[in-house]
């Protein structure tokens, strides 16, 4: 028996014939946030304490709870969003201003915005074809062609995919180039933080708090980040270092706590939808990320739909009332804001952009929509 048949509850078979266009569109995504009743006890505790921001008791409880997902000694600091979390990490490293920070072009633009906000210069590099991510070997091969001094690199967990954090930790320890992990969508897989790891708690993520995020890492480093997120304060009212205001309110922490209370059920719900979609498309020429819906979950579904076919497949699904999304466009380097920054040749990124597509996927996605998506997509590709 295959791993797939062992772990997936069979869904109804998708018919081979294309359905008629339905009147109700299938959305690309829908946030899955805690119910008001689940948040209420935390709101009541905020009212009782009278502490509404500035690392209050609910936020402290959240940071302590998040830390239990990591090994002993890992510290957590919450941030108002993962973009500012990345920026604060880069600033905490005290890197030479204007130096190059390498990052994959196969990422969301927030990664590059964080680099420029930290006073560094984005240098776009390519990823591996099989993982859609950057690894130390792939990076080392491109580093030879760097157009200037490189002070840092930001590997990205592609759409929440599990990244080899041990390999990057070893690279950080044995290289003058500092490593910060962009794990914005990887709440489910980011459980190691010997080097800085930044996770998003945006409403579009699997564990959502509306806005927000957190930085995980070694104690001393995270405490520097904490100071940067609070105007450079740390134990006094004097600004000890240049910083900003990137704290979260107690209200955001309350939503995050309620989301964590229900995380096991949330994870199972996302996994159920992913597995039903996988089994309905087993015989279609569609390739999902390795382990997606089986070993790890995230809040989006990005699939390989055929070499160079993403645009035509998106058009075909749109004609059948099914929304799609090219979540990372044609690569970060193609955005007007970043068009003038240096880059290596990016053949893998360009192929991925033309061959992958974000498909409808959300925790509350019902069987009818799952079957309809699989039927239309499978019929078109065959």
Protein backbone atom coordinates (compact mmCIF):
# COMPACT_ATOMS: atom_id res chain seq x y z
CA UNK A 1 0.00 0.00 0.00
CA UNK A 2 1.40 3.43 -0.91
CA UNK A 3 1.92 6.21 1.60
CA UNK A 4 -0.80 8.18 -0.18
CA UNK A 5 -3.42 5.43 0.16
CA UNK A 6 -2.44 4.84 3.78
CA UNK A 7 -2.84 8.42 4.85
CA UNK A 8 -5.66 9.83 2.74
CA UNK A 9 -9.33 9.25 3.35
CA UNK A 10 -10.78 8.58 -0.11
CA UNK A 11 -12.89 11.36 -1.56
CA UNK A 12 -15.64 10.88 -4.14
CA UNK A 13 -14.23 10.24 -7.59
CA UNK A 14 -14.11 13.21 -9.93
CA UNK A 15 -15.98 12.68 -13.20
CA UNK A 16 -14.01 12.74 -16.43
CA UNK A 17 -16.32 15.13 -18.23
CA UNK A 18 -16.03 18.88 -17.89
CA UNK A 19 -18.88 20.41 -15.87
CA UNK A 20 -21.03 23.27 -16.97
CA UNK A 21 -19.97 26.70 -15.74
CA UNK A 22 -21.29 27.18 -12.21
CA UNK A 23 -22.82 30.47 -11.11
CA UNK A 24 -20.87 30.52 -7.85
CA UNK A 25 -17.18 31.31 -8.23
CA UNK A 26 -14.62 29.38 -6.23
CA UNK A 27 -12.43 31.86 -4.36
CA UNK A 28 -8.68 31.47 -4.35
CA UNK A 29 -8.50 31.66 -0.55
CA UNK A 30 -10.48 32.52 2.58
CA UNK A 31 -8.98 33.35 5.98
CA UNK A 32 -9.63 30.84 8.76
CA UNK A 33 -9.66 32.88 11.95
CA UNK A 34 -10.72 32.06 15.54
CA UNK A 35 -14.37 32.53 16.46
CA UNK A 36 -15.30 35.52 18.61
CA UNK A 37 -16.29 33.24 21.49
CA UNK A 38 -12.81 31.70 21.49
CA UNK A 39 -11.15 35.13 21.72
CA UNK A 40 -13.49 36.51 24.40
CA UNK A 41 -11.74 35.04 27.50
CA UNK A 42 -8.49 36.68 26.43
CA UNK A 43 -10.25 40.01 25.82
CA UNK A 44 -11.73 39.83 29.30
CA UNK A 45 -8.27 39.25 30.78
CA UNK A 46 -7.01 42.34 28.93
CA UNK A 47 -9.84 44.40 30.41
CA UNK A 48 -9.07 43.12 33.88
CA UNK A 49 -5.34 43.87 33.63
CA UNK A 50 -5.74 47.25 31.98
CA UNK A 51 -2.60 46.50 29.95
CA UNK A 52 -3.23 46.96 26.22
CA UNK A 53 0.19 46.95 24.53
CA UNK A 54 3.96 47.13 25.25
CA UNK A 55 4.54 43.41 25.88
CA UNK A 56 1.57 42.92 28.20
CA UNK A 57 0.65 39.68 29.99
CA UNK A 58 -1.25 38.14 27.05
CA UNK A 59 1.66 38.86 24.73
CA UNK A 60 4.09 37.43 27.28
CA UNK A 61 1.98 34.27 27.50
CA UNK A 62 1.91 34.08 23.69
CA UNK A 63 5.69 34.37 23.40
CA UNK A 64 6.17 31.68 26.05
CA UNK A 65 3.70 29.41 24.30
CA UNK A 66 5.32 29.90 20.90
CA UNK A 67 8.70 29.08 22.43
CA UNK A 68 7.46 25.59 23.37
CA UNK A 69 7.39 24.75 19.66
CA UNK A 70 11.17 25.14 19.60
CA UNK A 71 14.01 23.54 21.54
CA UNK A 72 14.95 24.79 25.00
CA UNK A 73 16.78 28.09 24.99
CA UNK A 74 14.98 29.55 21.98
CA UNK A 75 13.57 33.01 22.59
CA UNK A 76 10.55 34.57 20.89
CA UNK A 77 9.65 38.19 20.28
CA UNK A 78 6.37 39.09 18.61
CA UNK A 79 6.33 41.73 15.88
CA UNK A 80 3.59 43.70 14.17
CA UNK A 81 4.29 41.87 10.90
CA UNK A 82 6.89 39.52 9.47
CA UNK A 83 8.26 42.18 7.12
CA UNK A 84 9.29 44.34 10.07
CA UNK A 85 10.53 41.19 11.78
CA UNK A 86 12.94 40.53 8.90
CA UNK A 87 14.02 44.17 8.88
CA UNK A 88 14.68 44.13 12.63
CA UNK A 89 16.74 40.94 12.31
CA UNK A 90 18.92 42.46 9.60
CA UNK A 91 19.40 45.62 11.66
CA UNK A 92 20.26 43.58 14.74
CA UNK A 93 23.12 41.96 12.79
CA UNK A 94 24.76 45.39 12.31
CA UNK A 95 25.62 44.72 8.68
CA UNK A 96 27.52 47.24 6.51
CA UNK A 97 25.00 49.69 5.07
CA UNK A 98 24.55 49.30 1.33
CA UNK A 99 26.10 45.83 1.26
CA UNK A 100 24.41 43.07 -0.69
CA UNK A 101 21.79 40.84 0.92
CA UNK A 102 21.12 37.78 -1.23
CA UNK A 103 17.57 36.49 -1.50
CA UNK A 104 15.73 34.27 -3.96
CA UNK A 105 13.72 36.10 -6.55
CA UNK A 106 11.19 33.28 -6.06
CA UNK A 107 9.61 34.97 -3.04
CA UNK A 108 6.96 37.48 -2.09
CA UNK A 109 8.02 41.11 -2.46
CA UNK A 110 7.92 41.61 1.33
CA UNK A 111 11.31 39.88 1.59
CA UNK A 112 12.95 42.46 -0.67
CA UNK A 113 11.16 45.36 1.02
CA UNK A 114 12.61 44.21 4.34
CA UNK A 115 16.11 44.23 2.83
CA UNK A 116 15.86 47.79 1.56
CA UNK A 117 14.25 48.98 4.82
CA UNK A 118 17.33 47.64 6.65
CA UNK A 119 19.60 49.76 4.45
CA UNK A 120 20.91 46.83 2.41
CA UNK A 121 20.89 46.13 -1.33
CA UNK A 122 18.82 43.19 -2.60
CA UNK A 123 20.74 40.75 -4.79
CA UNK A 124 18.36 38.29 -6.44
CA UNK A 125 19.58 34.71 -6.85
CA UNK A 126 18.05 31.55 -8.26
CA UNK A 127 16.56 28.52 -6.48
CA UNK A 128 16.67 24.75 -6.92
CA UNK A 129 14.27 23.29 -9.46
CA UNK A 130 13.15 20.43 -7.20
CA UNK A 131 12.55 22.33 -3.94
CA UNK A 132 11.82 25.84 -5.27
CA UNK A 133 14.16 27.07 -2.53
CA UNK A 134 17.72 28.18 -1.94
CA UNK A 135 20.20 25.86 -0.25
CA UNK A 136 23.84 26.49 0.75
CA UNK A 137 25.26 24.64 -2.27
CA UNK A 138 23.08 26.47 -4.76
CA UNK A 139 23.93 29.76 -3.08
CA UNK A 140 27.67 29.07 -2.98
CA UNK A 141 27.72 28.43 -6.72
CA UNK A 142 26.09 31.81 -7.39
CA UNK A 143 28.12 33.64 -4.76
CA UNK A 144 31.15 33.44 -7.04
CA UNK A 145 29.41 35.91 -9.35
CA UNK A 146 28.29 38.41 -6.71
CA UNK A 147 28.60 42.00 -7.97
CA UNK A 148 29.95 43.20 -4.62
CA UNK A 149 30.42 42.31 -0.94
CA UNK A 150 27.60 40.09 0.38
CA UNK A 151 26.82 40.47 4.07
CA UNK A 152 23.67 38.38 4.45
CA UNK A 153 21.38 35.86 2.78
CA UNK A 154 17.66 35.25 3.34
CA UNK A 155 16.55 31.72 2.37
CA UNK A 156 12.77 31.53 1.98
CA UNK A 157 10.51 28.62 2.96
CA UNK A 158 8.61 28.46 -0.34
CA UNK A 159 4.89 28.71 0.44
CA UNK A 160 5.55 27.12 3.84
CA UNK A 161 7.72 24.25 2.58
CA UNK A 162 10.16 22.69 5.07
CA UNK A 163 13.64 24.20 4.68
CA UNK A 164 16.88 22.47 5.71
CA UNK A 165 17.54 24.72 8.70
CA UNK A 166 20.40 22.55 9.94
CA UNK A 167 22.29 23.10 6.69
CA UNK A 168 21.76 26.86 6.88
CA UNK A 169 22.78 26.94 10.53
CA UNK A 170 26.05 25.22 9.62
CA UNK A 171 26.56 27.70 6.78
CA UNK A 172 25.98 30.65 9.12
CA UNK A 173 28.54 29.31 11.59
CA UNK A 174 31.20 28.64 8.98
CA UNK A 175 30.80 31.72 6.81
CA UNK A 176 31.14 35.48 7.29
CA UNK A 177 27.72 35.82 5.61
CA UNK A 178 24.85 36.00 8.10
CA UNK A 179 21.66 33.98 7.56
CA UNK A 180 18.08 35.03 8.38
CA UNK A 181 15.25 32.63 7.49
CA UNK A 182 12.05 33.97 5.92
CA UNK A 183 9.55 31.42 7.22
CA UNK A 184 6.56 33.71 6.80
CA UNK A 185 4.21 30.92 5.67
CA UNK A 186 5.96 28.13 7.56
CA UNK A 187 4.38 28.13 11.02
CA UNK A 188 3.80 24.38 10.68
CA UNK A 189 7.37 23.50 9.70
CA UNK A 190 9.54 26.10 11.44
CA UNK A 191 10.49 24.46 14.73
CA UNK A 192 14.26 25.01 14.74
CA UNK A 193 15.78 28.41 15.40
CA UNK A 194 19.52 28.22 16.02
CA UNK A 195 19.62 31.13 13.56
CA UNK A 196 16.93 33.85 13.23
CA UNK A 197 13.61 32.57 11.90
CA UNK A 198 10.75 34.94 11.07
CA UNK A 199 7.14 33.70 10.90
CA UNK A 200 4.01 35.60 9.85
CA UNK A 201 0.68 35.56 11.70
CA UNK A 202 -1.18 37.44 8.97
CA UNK A 203 -4.83 36.53 8.43
CA UNK A 204 -3.92 34.75 5.20
CA UNK A 205 -1.62 32.31 7.02
CA UNK A 206 -2.59 28.94 8.46
CA UNK A 207 -2.25 30.32 11.99
CA UNK A 208 -3.60 33.83 11.72
CA UNK A 209 -3.97 36.71 14.15
CA UNK A 210 -5.11 39.29 11.59
CA UNK A 211 -1.68 40.92 11.46
CA UNK A 212 1.50 40.14 13.35
CA UNK A 213 4.36 37.70 13.39
CA UNK A 214 7.28 36.58 15.52
CA UNK A 215 11.03 36.16 15.49
CA UNK A 216 12.55 33.00 16.96
CA UNK A 217 16.23 32.59 17.67
CA UNK A 218 19.04 32.57 20.23
CA UNK A 219 18.37 34.52 23.43
CA UNK A 220 20.86 37.38 23.03
CA UNK A 221 19.97 37.99 19.39
CA UNK A 222 16.22 38.02 20.00
CA UNK A 223 16.61 40.47 22.87
CA UNK A 224 18.40 42.85 20.48
CA UNK A 225 15.50 42.46 18.08
CA UNK A 226 13.06 43.15 20.94
CA UNK A 227 14.87 46.42 21.66
CA UNK A 228 14.76 47.42 17.99
CA UNK A 229 11.00 46.80 17.87
CA UNK A 230 10.47 49.10 20.90
CA UNK A 231 12.26 52.32 19.92
CA UNK A 232 15.62 50.95 21.01
CA UNK A 233 14.49 50.72 24.64
CA UNK A 234 15.68 47.82 26.78
CA UNK A 235 15.27 48.12 30.51
CA UNK A 236 15.46 51.92 30.51
CA UNK A 237 13.74 54.88 28.88
CA UNK A 238 16.89 55.62 26.89
CA UNK A 239 17.12 54.55 23.23
CA UNK A 240 20.12 52.24 23.26
CA UNK A 241 20.07 51.59 19.51
CA UNK A 242 18.23 52.81 16.42
CA UNK A 243 14.83 51.15 16.25
CA UNK A 244 11.18 51.51 15.41
CA UNK A 245 7.78 50.59 16.80
CA UNK A 246 6.97 47.04 15.70
CA UNK A 247 5.17 45.74 18.78
CA UNK A 248 1.79 44.00 18.71
CA UNK A 249 -1.15 44.98 20.90
CA UNK A 250 -2.68 42.74 23.53
CA UNK A 251 -5.68 42.39 21.22
CA UNK A 252 -3.57 40.86 18.48
CA UNK A 253 -1.95 38.56 21.03
CA UNK A 254 -5.44 37.51 22.17
CA UNK A 255 -6.41 36.43 18.65
CA UNK A 256 -3.12 34.55 18.26
CA UNK A 257 -3.67 32.73 21.58
CA UNK A 258 -7.16 31.67 20.50
CA UNK A 259 -5.75 30.48 17.17
CA UNK A 260 -3.14 28.41 18.97
CA UNK A 261 -5.83 26.89 21.20
CA UNK A 262 -7.44 25.46 18.05
CA UNK A 263 -4.26 24.73 16.09
CA UNK A 264 -4.56 20.93 16.09
CA UNK A 265 -8.07 21.08 14.62
CA UNK A 266 -7.08 23.83 12.19
CA UNK A 267 -4.15 21.80 10.94
CA UNK A 268 -6.32 18.71 10.46
CA UNK A 269 -8.88 20.76 8.53
CA UNK A 270 -6.29 22.14 6.12
CA UNK A 271 -4.78 18.68 5.77
CA UNK A 272 -8.13 17.08 4.96
CA UNK A 273 -8.77 19.54 2.11
CA UNK A 274 -5.25 19.08 0.73
CA UNK A 275 -5.44 15.30 0.81
CA UNK A 276 -8.81 15.17 -0.92
CA UNK A 277 -7.53 17.45 -3.64
CA UNK A 278 -4.41 15.33 -4.05
CA UNK A 279 -6.31 12.09 -4.41
CA UNK A 280 -8.77 13.53 -6.93
CA UNK A 281 -5.85 14.71 -9.07
CA UNK A 282 -3.70 11.60 -8.72
CA UNK A 283 -4.07 10.76 -12.40
CA UNK A 284 -3.77 14.31 -13.69
CA UNK A 285 -0.48 15.92 -14.79
CA UNK A 286 -0.33 18.10 -11.68
CA UNK A 287 2.62 18.15 -9.27
CA UNK A 288 2.29 19.47 -5.73
CA UNK A 289 5.16 20.52 -3.49
CA UNK A 290 6.85 17.57 -1.83
CA UNK A 291 4.92 16.58 1.29
CA UNK A 292 2.26 19.29 0.92
CA UNK A 293 -0.87 18.16 2.77
CA UNK A 294 0.86 14.97 3.90
CA UNK A 295 3.81 15.97 6.07
CA UNK A 296 3.14 19.69 6.37
CA UNK A 297 0.40 22.20 5.74
CA UNK A 298 0.16 25.83 4.81
CA UNK A 299 -2.66 28.14 3.74
CA UNK A 300 -2.09 28.05 -0.03
CA UNK A 301 -1.89 25.45 -2.76
CA UNK A 302 0.71 26.10 -5.45
CA UNK A 303 1.02 23.35 -8.05
CA UNK A 304 3.06 22.70 -11.18
CA UNK A 305 0.48 22.61 -13.98
CA UNK A 306 2.78 22.00 -16.97
CA UNK A 307 5.83 23.66 -18.46
CA UNK A 308 4.92 27.19 -19.50
CA UNK A 309 1.20 26.58 -18.99
CA UNK A 310 0.32 28.64 -15.93
CA UNK A 311 -1.25 31.53 -17.86
CA UNK A 312 -3.40 29.35 -20.13
CA UNK A 313 -4.54 27.16 -17.22
CA UNK A 314 -5.45 30.25 -15.21
CA UNK A 315 -7.51 31.52 -18.14
CA UNK A 316 -9.26 28.19 -18.59
CA UNK A 317 -10.18 27.96 -14.90
CA UNK A 318 -11.37 31.57 -14.85
CA UNK A 319 -13.73 30.74 -17.71
CA UNK A 320 -15.23 28.06 -15.46
CA UNK A 321 -15.67 30.40 -12.51
CA UNK A 322 -12.55 29.30 -10.61
CA UNK A 323 -10.13 31.89 -9.28
CA UNK A 324 -6.37 31.33 -9.35
CA UNK A 325 -3.39 33.41 -8.32
CA UNK A 326 0.23 33.74 -9.31
CA UNK A 327 1.20 34.44 -5.73
CA UNK A 328 4.76 35.52 -6.53
CA UNK A 329 4.10 36.86 -10.01
CA UNK A 330 6.93 36.36 -12.45
CA UNK A 331 9.53 36.63 -9.69
CA UNK A 332 10.31 39.43 -7.28
CA UNK A 333 12.94 40.89 -9.61
CA UNK A 334 10.27 41.77 -12.19
CA UNK A 335 8.43 44.17 -9.88
CA UNK A 336 9.03 47.78 -10.88
CA UNK A 337 10.33 48.64 -7.39
CA UNK A 338 13.14 46.07 -7.70
CA UNK A 339 13.85 46.07 -11.41
CA UNK A 340 17.14 47.97 -11.07
CA UNK A 341 18.71 45.81 -8.37
CA UNK A 342 21.41 43.26 -9.26
CA UNK A 343 20.56 39.65 -10.02
CA UNK A 344 22.11 36.44 -11.25
CA UNK A 345 20.63 34.62 -14.25
CA UNK A 346 17.28 33.27 -13.01
CA UNK A 347 16.24 30.43 -15.37
CA UNK A 348 14.65 28.28 -12.65
CA UNK A 349 12.65 31.19 -11.25
CA UNK A 350 11.43 32.07 -14.72
CA UNK A 351 10.36 28.47 -15.40
CA UNK A 352 8.56 28.23 -12.07
CA UNK A 353 6.73 31.48 -12.71
CA UNK A 354 5.50 30.20 -16.07
CA UNK A 355 4.64 26.69 -14.88
CA UNK A 356 3.13 26.95 -11.39
CA UNK A 357 -0.21 28.31 -10.30
CA UNK A 358 -1.95 29.06 -7.03
CA UNK A 359 -5.15 27.00 -6.91
CA UNK A 360 -8.21 27.55 -4.68
CA UNK A 361 -7.49 26.15 -1.25
CA UNK A 362 -8.77 27.06 2.20
CA UNK A 363 -9.76 25.32 5.40
CA UNK A 364 -13.50 25.81 4.88
CA UNK A 365 -13.41 24.52 1.29
CA UNK A 366 -16.25 22.03 0.87
CA UNK A 367 -16.27 18.77 -1.05
CA UNK A 368 -18.41 20.24 -3.82
CA UNK A 369 -15.80 22.92 -4.59
CA UNK A 370 -12.91 20.46 -4.23
CA UNK A 371 -14.51 18.07 -6.70
CA UNK A 372 -15.39 20.87 -9.11
CA UNK A 373 -11.84 22.24 -9.06
CA UNK A 374 -10.31 18.78 -9.58
CA UNK A 375 -12.76 17.96 -12.36
CA UNK A 376 -12.21 21.17 -14.33
CA UNK A 377 -8.45 21.18 -13.87
CA UNK A 378 -8.00 17.48 -14.57
CA UNK A 379 -10.22 17.62 -17.66
CA UNK A 380 -8.40 20.64 -19.07
CA UNK A 381 -4.91 19.25 -18.50
CA UNK A 382 -5.82 15.89 -20.00
